[in-house]
Every structure is written in structure tokens, then in C-alpha cells.
Amino acid sequence: MKAPSTSIQSLTALACGFHESDDSADPDRLAEWIHEDAEMSLAMTHFELVRGKRAIMDALYRERESVIYSARVERHEWLDETTLLVRGQVRYAVAERGVTQATIWWIDEFRDGLLWRVRAFKEENAARAAHADASKSAGNGRG
């Protein structure tokens, strides 16, 4: 197997750094990693979709969620040229004032070298199915 290109390595590092960022992360640096038209559903957003860089940054620095959040990336796998599957252990706030720790899978899609679409899942098969469905939909739209 050939070694990954430098850009693939840097995108992988960007994704891992993003997911492992906590409330001590520099907001300006974090914002540099996020595409202007990004869409994200994260553990920190209680798995609700947030659209746009500014709204995502606001969600990432909500006091309760950002103070509680911590993550450790365990592994990652490139699913195609622009999509990375990431697995990690995450501690996060749940909507009803609780805290949980769980394994989370993220599907990270890149555009223009930045995080564009990030979706968090509680189960690996759900993450892989969502990627497969999105790939089929994209394939059907070509013509």
C-alpha cells in the first residue's frame, strides 16, 4: 500500500485535532479549520445539525457543553478521497443536564482543505450506512 500524501496526512491531523479540541482550544485556530458553509451534528450540539461557521463556533463554545467535553481519537479510516471515518472516546453533556462517556464515530467530509460536513454517530454501522447512502445519492445526481 502506498503512503498517504502529505495533504491526506494534514487533513487527518486537522480532523483529529478538531475532535480532540476542548474549551481551552484557541477559537481563532479552530475557526481556521472550518469551512464557511460547514454543517455539523456533534455530541456537543446534542447531535442536532448546525449550519454555518459562525453558528458552529457559537455551539462549540457554549459554556456547559465546552467545559464538559473531552475526546480522544482512537482510530481513523479514509472512506474515499474526501471522507474520513473517525472513532473516539468522548465525554459530553447530554441535553437533560447529565454527562455521559461513549464511543462516537464521526464522518468528516472535507471541502477546500477544510472541515465541511461533520456528522457524529453513536454506532459505527449507522455512520457507515449514512456514508453509503450519501455516496449513492451523490452518484444518482450525476449525469
N, C-alpha and C. Protein backbone atom coordinates (compact mmCIF):
# COMPACT_ATOMS: atom_id res chain seq x y z
N MET A 1 0.84 -1.19 0.00
CA MET A 1 0.00 0.00 0.00
C MET A 1 0.88 1.24 0.00
N LYS A 2 0.55 2.21 -0.82
CA LYS A 2 1.39 3.39 -0.91
C LYS A 2 1.09 4.34 0.27
N ALA A 3 2.10 5.09 0.65
CA ALA A 3 1.98 6.00 1.80
C ALA A 3 1.01 7.12 1.47
N PRO A 4 0.26 7.58 2.48
CA PRO A 4 -0.68 8.67 2.22
C PRO A 4 0.06 9.95 1.86
N SER A 5 -0.57 10.76 1.04
CA SER A 5 0.04 12.03 0.65
C SER A 5 0.06 12.98 1.84
N THR A 6 0.90 14.00 1.71
CA THR A 6 1.01 14.99 2.79
C THR A 6 -0.33 15.65 3.04
N SER A 7 -1.11 15.93 1.99
CA SER A 7 -2.40 16.58 2.21
C SER A 7 -3.36 15.66 2.97
N ILE A 8 -3.33 14.36 2.67
CA ILE A 8 -4.17 13.41 3.41
C ILE A 8 -3.72 13.38 4.87
N GLN A 9 -2.42 13.37 5.09
CA GLN A 9 -1.91 13.37 6.46
C GLN A 9 -2.32 14.64 7.19
N SER A 10 -2.25 15.79 6.51
CA SER A 10 -2.61 17.04 7.19
C SER A 10 -4.11 17.13 7.44
N LEU A 11 -4.94 16.59 6.53
CA LEU A 11 -6.38 16.57 6.77
C LEU A 11 -6.72 15.64 7.93
N THR A 12 -6.03 14.52 8.02
CA THR A 12 -6.25 13.60 9.14
C THR A 12 -5.88 14.28 10.45
N ALA A 13 -4.75 14.96 10.48
CA ALA A 13 -4.32 15.68 11.69
C ALA A 13 -5.32 16.78 12.04
N LEU A 14 -5.82 17.48 11.03
CA LEU A 14 -6.82 18.53 11.26
C LEU A 14 -8.07 17.94 11.91
N ALA A 15 -8.57 16.84 11.36
CA ALA A 15 -9.78 16.21 11.90
C ALA A 15 -9.57 15.74 13.33
N CYS A 16 -8.46 15.08 13.57
CA CYS A 16 -8.19 14.59 14.94
C CYS A 16 -8.04 15.77 15.90
N GLY A 17 -7.34 16.80 15.48
CA GLY A 17 -7.20 17.99 16.33
C GLY A 17 -8.54 18.64 16.62
N PHE A 18 -9.39 18.70 15.62
CA PHE A 18 -10.73 19.29 15.81
C PHE A 18 -11.51 18.50 16.84
N HIS A 19 -11.57 17.19 16.68
CA HIS A 19 -12.38 16.37 17.59
C HIS A 19 -11.83 16.34 19.01
N GLU A 20 -10.53 16.48 19.15
CA GLU A 20 -9.92 16.45 20.48
C GLU A 20 -9.85 17.82 21.12
N SER A 21 -10.29 18.86 20.43
CA SER A 21 -10.27 20.21 20.99
C SER A 21 -11.30 20.34 22.11
N ASP A 22 -10.90 21.01 23.17
CA ASP A 22 -11.82 21.24 24.29
C ASP A 22 -11.94 22.74 24.52
N ASP A 23 -12.45 23.15 25.68
CA ASP A 23 -12.70 24.57 25.92
C ASP A 23 -11.43 25.40 26.00
N SER A 24 -10.27 24.76 26.11
CA SER A 24 -9.01 25.51 26.15
C SER A 24 -8.47 25.79 24.74
N ALA A 25 -9.10 25.24 23.71
CA ALA A 25 -8.64 25.44 22.33
C ALA A 25 -8.82 26.89 21.92
N ASP A 26 -7.87 27.39 21.17
CA ASP A 26 -7.93 28.75 20.64
C ASP A 26 -9.06 28.84 19.61
N PRO A 27 -10.09 29.63 19.87
CA PRO A 27 -11.22 29.72 18.94
C PRO A 27 -10.82 30.16 17.53
N ASP A 28 -9.87 31.07 17.42
CA ASP A 28 -9.44 31.54 16.10
C ASP A 28 -8.78 30.41 15.31
N ARG A 29 -7.98 29.61 15.99
CA ARG A 29 -7.32 28.48 15.32
C ARG A 29 -8.35 27.44 14.89
N LEU A 30 -9.29 27.15 15.78
CA LEU A 30 -10.34 26.18 15.46
C LEU A 30 -11.18 26.66 14.27
N ALA A 31 -11.50 27.94 14.26
CA ALA A 31 -12.29 28.51 13.16
C ALA A 31 -11.58 28.37 11.82
N GLU A 32 -10.25 28.40 11.82
CA GLU A 32 -9.48 28.26 10.58
C GLU A 32 -9.67 26.89 9.95
N TRP A 33 -10.09 25.90 10.71
CA TRP A 33 -10.25 24.53 10.22
C TRP A 33 -11.64 24.27 9.64
N ILE A 34 -12.57 25.22 9.83
CA ILE A 34 -13.98 25.00 9.48
C ILE A 34 -14.34 25.80 8.22
N HIS A 35 -14.92 25.12 7.27
CA HIS A 35 -15.38 25.74 6.02
C HIS A 35 -16.52 26.73 6.33
N GLU A 36 -16.57 27.80 5.59
CA GLU A 36 -17.60 28.84 5.79
C GLU A 36 -19.01 28.25 5.68
N ASP A 37 -19.22 27.29 4.79
CA ASP A 37 -20.53 26.69 4.57
C ASP A 37 -20.70 25.34 5.29
N ALA A 38 -19.97 25.16 6.36
CA ALA A 38 -19.97 23.88 7.07
C ALA A 38 -21.33 23.54 7.67
N GLU A 39 -21.54 22.23 7.81
CA GLU A 39 -22.72 21.68 8.50
C GLU A 39 -22.20 20.61 9.46
N MET A 40 -22.60 20.70 10.71
CA MET A 40 -22.11 19.72 11.69
C MET A 40 -23.19 19.30 12.66
N SER A 41 -23.23 18.01 12.94
CA SER A 41 -24.01 17.48 14.05
C SER A 41 -23.00 16.76 14.93
N LEU A 42 -22.85 17.25 16.14
CA LEU A 42 -21.80 16.78 17.04
C LEU A 42 -22.39 16.38 18.39
N ALA A 43 -21.62 15.67 19.17
CA ALA A 43 -22.04 15.37 20.55
C ALA A 43 -22.29 16.68 21.31
N MET A 44 -21.45 17.68 21.04
CA MET A 44 -21.60 18.97 21.73
C MET A 44 -22.87 19.71 21.34
N THR A 45 -23.43 19.39 20.19
CA THR A 45 -24.68 20.03 19.76
C THR A 45 -25.86 19.10 20.01
N HIS A 46 -25.64 18.09 20.85
CA HIS A 46 -26.67 17.09 21.17
C HIS A 46 -27.17 16.41 19.90
N PHE A 47 -26.24 16.23 18.94
CA PHE A 47 -26.48 15.54 17.67
C PHE A 47 -27.47 16.29 16.77
N GLU A 48 -27.71 17.55 17.07
CA GLU A 48 -28.55 18.41 16.22
C GLU A 48 -27.66 19.07 15.17
N LEU A 49 -28.20 19.23 13.96
CA LEU A 49 -27.45 19.83 12.86
C LEU A 49 -27.33 21.34 13.06
N VAL A 50 -26.11 21.83 12.91
CA VAL A 50 -25.82 23.26 12.99
C VAL A 50 -25.17 23.64 11.66
N ARG A 51 -25.63 24.74 11.07
CA ARG A 51 -25.14 25.17 9.75
C ARG A 51 -24.44 26.52 9.84
N GLY A 52 -23.33 26.61 9.13
CA GLY A 52 -22.58 27.86 9.04
C GLY A 52 -21.48 27.94 10.10
N LYS A 53 -20.36 28.47 9.68
CA LYS A 53 -19.19 28.55 10.56
C LYS A 53 -19.48 29.30 11.86
N ARG A 54 -20.13 30.43 11.78
CA ARG A 54 -20.38 31.24 12.98
C ARG A 54 -21.27 30.48 13.97
N ALA A 55 -22.33 29.85 13.48
CA ALA A 55 -23.23 29.09 14.36
C ALA A 55 -22.51 27.89 14.98
N ILE A 56 -21.65 27.26 14.20
CA ILE A 56 -20.89 26.13 14.72
C ILE A 56 -19.93 26.60 15.81
N MET A 57 -19.23 27.69 15.58
CA MET A 57 -18.31 28.21 16.60
C MET A 57 -19.07 28.58 17.87
N ASP A 58 -20.24 29.19 17.74
CA ASP A 58 -21.05 29.51 18.92
C ASP A 58 -21.42 28.23 19.67
N ALA A 59 -21.80 27.19 18.93
CA ALA A 59 -22.18 25.92 19.56
C ALA A 59 -20.99 25.27 20.26
N LEU A 60 -19.80 25.37 19.66
CA LEU A 60 -18.62 24.74 20.25
C LEU A 60 -18.18 25.41 21.54
N TYR A 61 -18.54 26.66 21.71
CA TYR A 61 -18.11 27.38 22.91
C TYR A 61 -19.26 27.71 23.85
N ARG A 62 -20.37 26.95 23.74
CA ARG A 62 -21.42 27.06 24.76
C ARG A 62 -20.81 26.60 26.07
N GLU A 63 -20.97 27.40 27.11
CA GLU A 63 -20.20 27.17 28.33
C GLU A 63 -20.31 25.75 28.88
N ARG A 64 -21.50 25.29 29.16
CA ARG A 64 -21.66 23.97 29.78
C ARG A 64 -21.09 22.86 28.90
N GLU A 65 -21.44 22.88 27.63
CA GLU A 65 -21.01 21.84 26.72
C GLU A 65 -19.50 21.83 26.52
N SER A 66 -18.91 23.01 26.37
CA SER A 66 -17.47 23.05 26.11
C SER A 66 -16.64 22.71 27.34
N VAL A 67 -17.11 23.05 28.51
CA VAL A 67 -16.37 22.72 29.74
C VAL A 67 -16.39 21.21 30.00
N ILE A 68 -17.50 20.57 29.72
CA ILE A 68 -17.65 19.14 29.98
C ILE A 68 -16.96 18.29 28.90
N TYR A 69 -16.94 18.77 27.66
CA TYR A 69 -16.47 17.98 26.52
C TYR A 69 -14.99 17.61 26.62
N SER A 70 -14.71 16.35 26.34
CA SER A 70 -13.34 15.90 26.09
C SER A 70 -13.43 14.70 25.15
N ALA A 71 -12.40 14.52 24.34
CA ALA A 71 -12.39 13.40 23.39
C ALA A 71 -10.96 12.93 23.16
N ARG A 72 -10.87 11.65 22.86
CA ARG A 72 -9.60 11.05 22.48
C ARG A 72 -9.86 10.20 21.25
N VAL A 73 -9.25 10.58 20.15
CA VAL A 73 -9.39 9.82 18.90
C VAL A 73 -8.61 8.52 19.05
N GLU A 74 -9.27 7.42 18.70
CA GLU A 74 -8.65 6.10 18.79
C GLU A 74 -8.17 5.59 17.43
N ARG A 75 -8.93 5.88 16.40
CA ARG A 75 -8.53 5.43 15.06
C ARG A 75 -9.30 6.22 14.01
N HIS A 76 -8.84 6.06 12.77
CA HIS A 76 -9.49 6.73 11.64
C HIS A 76 -9.26 5.90 10.39
N GLU A 77 -10.15 6.12 9.42
CA GLU A 77 -10.10 5.36 8.17
C GLU A 77 -10.65 6.24 7.05
N TRP A 78 -9.90 6.38 5.98
CA TRP A 78 -10.38 7.11 4.82
C TRP A 78 -11.37 6.24 4.07
N LEU A 79 -12.59 6.75 3.87
CA LEU A 79 -13.63 6.02 3.15
C LEU A 79 -13.62 6.32 1.66
N ASP A 80 -13.20 7.52 1.31
CA ASP A 80 -13.00 7.92 -0.09
C ASP A 80 -12.06 9.12 -0.08
N GLU A 81 -11.92 9.80 -1.20
CA GLU A 81 -10.94 10.89 -1.33
C GLU A 81 -11.22 12.08 -0.42
N THR A 82 -12.45 12.25 0.01
CA THR A 82 -12.80 13.44 0.80
C THR A 82 -13.46 13.11 2.14
N THR A 83 -13.58 11.83 2.48
CA THR A 83 -14.35 11.45 3.67
C THR A 83 -13.53 10.57 4.60
N LEU A 84 -13.48 10.99 5.85
CA LEU A 84 -12.73 10.29 6.89
C LEU A 84 -13.70 9.80 7.95
N LEU A 85 -13.59 8.53 8.33
CA LEU A 85 -14.34 7.97 9.45
C LEU A 85 -13.41 8.00 10.65
N VAL A 86 -13.85 8.62 11.73
CA VAL A 86 -13.05 8.77 12.94
C VAL A 86 -13.79 8.13 14.10
N ARG A 87 -13.07 7.39 14.94
CA ARG A 87 -13.66 6.79 16.14
C ARG A 87 -12.94 7.35 17.35
N GLY A 88 -13.71 7.69 18.39
CA GLY A 88 -13.08 8.19 19.60
C GLY A 88 -13.93 7.98 20.83
N GLN A 89 -13.28 8.12 21.96
CA GLN A 89 -13.96 8.10 23.25
C GLN A 89 -14.28 9.53 23.62
N VAL A 90 -15.54 9.80 23.95
CA VAL A 90 -15.99 11.17 24.16
C VAL A 90 -16.75 11.29 25.46
N ARG A 91 -16.46 12.34 26.20
CA ARG A 91 -17.24 12.72 27.38
C ARG A 91 -17.97 14.00 26.98
N TYR A 92 -19.30 14.00 27.13
CA TYR A 92 -20.06 15.15 26.68
C TYR A 92 -21.33 15.34 27.51
N ALA A 93 -21.85 16.55 27.44
CA ALA A 93 -23.09 16.90 28.15
C ALA A 93 -24.28 16.36 27.37
N VAL A 94 -25.22 15.77 28.08
CA VAL A 94 -26.48 15.37 27.45
C VAL A 94 -27.50 16.47 27.73
N ALA A 95 -28.51 16.52 26.91
CA ALA A 95 -29.45 17.64 26.93
C ALA A 95 -30.13 17.84 28.29
N GLU A 96 -30.43 16.77 28.98
CA GLU A 96 -31.16 16.89 30.25
C GLU A 96 -30.24 17.02 31.45
N ARG A 97 -29.19 17.79 31.33
CA ARG A 97 -28.28 18.11 32.42
C ARG A 97 -27.34 17.00 32.85
N GLY A 98 -27.34 15.91 32.16
CA GLY A 98 -26.44 14.83 32.52
C GLY A 98 -25.13 14.90 31.75
N VAL A 99 -24.27 13.96 32.08
CA VAL A 99 -22.99 13.81 31.40
C VAL A 99 -22.84 12.34 31.06
N THR A 100 -22.27 12.04 29.90
CA THR A 100 -22.04 10.65 29.52
C THR A 100 -20.67 10.52 28.89
N GLN A 101 -20.19 9.29 28.87
CA GLN A 101 -18.98 8.95 28.14
C GLN A 101 -19.34 7.81 27.21
N ALA A 102 -18.93 7.93 25.95
CA ALA A 102 -19.32 6.93 24.96
C ALA A 102 -18.31 6.90 23.82
N THR A 103 -18.39 5.83 23.05
CA THR A 103 -17.65 5.76 21.80
C THR A 103 -18.51 6.47 20.75
N ILE A 104 -17.87 7.38 20.02
CA ILE A 104 -18.55 8.14 18.97
C ILE A 104 -17.80 7.94 17.67
N TRP A 105 -18.53 7.83 16.59
CA TRP A 105 -17.96 7.77 15.25
C TRP A 105 -18.36 9.05 14.54
N TRP A 106 -17.40 9.68 13.89
CA TRP A 106 -17.66 10.88 13.10
C TRP A 106 -17.39 10.58 11.63
N ILE A 107 -18.25 11.07 10.78
CA ILE A 107 -17.99 11.10 9.35
C ILE A 107 -17.60 12.54 9.04
N ASP A 108 -16.34 12.73 8.67
CA ASP A 108 -15.81 14.06 8.36
C ASP A 108 -15.62 14.18 6.86
N GLU A 109 -16.26 15.17 6.27
CA GLU A 109 -16.10 15.44 4.84
C GLU A 109 -15.37 16.77 4.69
N PHE A 110 -14.43 16.80 3.77
CA PHE A 110 -13.61 17.98 3.55
C PHE A 110 -13.95 18.65 2.23
N ARG A 111 -13.85 19.96 2.23
CA ARG A 111 -14.01 20.77 1.02
C ARG A 111 -12.99 21.90 1.11
N ASP A 112 -12.27 22.11 0.05
CA ASP A 112 -11.25 23.18 0.02
C ASP A 112 -10.24 23.03 1.15
N GLY A 113 -9.95 21.80 1.57
CA GLY A 113 -8.97 21.56 2.61
C GLY A 113 -9.45 21.86 4.02
N LEU A 114 -10.77 22.04 4.18
CA LEU A 114 -11.35 22.37 5.48
C LEU A 114 -12.47 21.39 5.83
N LEU A 115 -12.80 21.32 7.11
CA LEU A 115 -13.95 20.52 7.52
C LEU A 115 -15.21 21.18 7.00
N TRP A 116 -15.95 20.42 6.22
CA TRP A 116 -17.16 20.96 5.60
C TRP A 116 -18.42 20.34 6.22
N ARG A 117 -18.45 19.03 6.26
CA ARG A 117 -19.62 18.36 6.84
C ARG A 117 -19.10 17.33 7.85
N VAL A 118 -19.56 17.46 9.08
CA VAL A 118 -19.18 16.52 10.14
C VAL A 118 -20.46 16.01 10.78
N ARG A 119 -20.57 14.68 10.83
CA ARG A 119 -21.75 14.07 11.45
C ARG A 119 -21.29 13.06 12.49
N ALA A 120 -21.84 13.18 13.70
CA ALA A 120 -21.49 12.27 14.79
C ALA A 120 -22.55 11.18 14.92
N PHE A 121 -22.09 9.98 15.23
CA PHE A 121 -22.98 8.83 15.38
C PHE A 121 -22.60 8.05 16.63
N LYS A 122 -23.60 7.43 17.23
CA LYS A 122 -23.36 6.61 18.43
C LYS A 122 -23.02 5.17 18.06
N GLU A 123 -23.23 4.80 16.80
CA GLU A 123 -22.94 3.44 16.35
C GLU A 123 -22.19 3.47 15.03
N GLU A 124 -21.19 2.61 14.92
CA GLU A 124 -20.38 2.56 13.71
C GLU A 124 -21.21 2.21 12.48
N ASN A 125 -22.10 1.23 12.61
CA ASN A 125 -22.88 0.82 11.43
C ASN A 125 -23.77 1.97 10.94
N ALA A 126 -24.26 2.80 11.83
CA ALA A 126 -25.05 3.97 11.41
C ALA A 126 -24.20 4.97 10.64
N ALA A 127 -22.96 5.16 11.09
CA ALA A 127 -22.05 6.07 10.39
C ALA A 127 -21.74 5.56 8.99
N ARG A 128 -21.42 4.28 8.90
CA ARG A 128 -21.09 3.70 7.60
C ARG A 128 -22.31 3.69 6.67
N ALA A 129 -23.48 3.42 7.21
CA ALA A 129 -24.70 3.43 6.40
C ALA A 129 -24.99 4.84 5.88
N ALA A 130 -24.80 5.85 6.73
CA ALA A 130 -25.03 7.23 6.30
C ALA A 130 -24.07 7.61 5.17
N HIS A 131 -22.83 7.18 5.28
CA HIS A 131 -21.87 7.46 4.22
C HIS A 131 -22.27 6.75 2.92
N ALA A 132 -22.67 5.49 3.04
CA ALA A 132 -23.09 4.72 1.86
C ALA A 132 -24.30 5.37 1.20
N ASP A 133 -25.27 5.80 2.00
CA ASP A 133 -26.46 6.46 1.46
C ASP A 133 -26.09 7.76 0.76
N ALA A 134 -25.21 8.54 1.37
CA ALA A 134 -24.79 9.81 0.77
C ALA A 134 -24.05 9.56 -0.54
N SER A 135 -23.23 8.52 -0.56
CA SER A 135 -22.49 8.18 -1.78
C SER A 135 -23.43 7.76 -2.90
N LYS A 136 -24.46 6.98 -2.55
CA LYS A 136 -25.46 6.57 -3.55
C LYS A 136 -26.20 7.79 -4.08
N SER A 137 -26.61 8.67 -3.19
CA SER A 137 -27.36 9.87 -3.60
C SER A 137 -26.51 10.74 -4.51
N ALA A 138 -25.24 10.89 -4.16
CA ALA A 138 -24.34 11.71 -5.00
C ALA A 138 -24.18 11.05 -6.36
N GLY A 139 -24.08 9.74 -6.39
CA GLY A 139 -23.94 9.00 -7.65
C GLY A 139 -25.17 9.12 -8.52
N ASN A 140 -26.36 9.14 -7.90
CA ASN A 140 -27.61 9.26 -8.67
C ASN A 140 -27.79 10.65 -9.24
N GLY A 141 -27.13 11.63 -8.63
CA GLY A 141 -27.29 13.00 -9.10
C GLY A 141 -26.37 13.36 -10.25
N ARG A 142 -25.49 12.44 -10.61
CA ARG A 142 -24.54 12.73 -11.70
C ARG A 142 -25.15 12.36 -13.03
N GLY A 143 -24.73 13.09 -14.04
CA GLY A 143 -25.34 12.69 -15.19
C GLY A 143 -25.02 12.84 -16.53
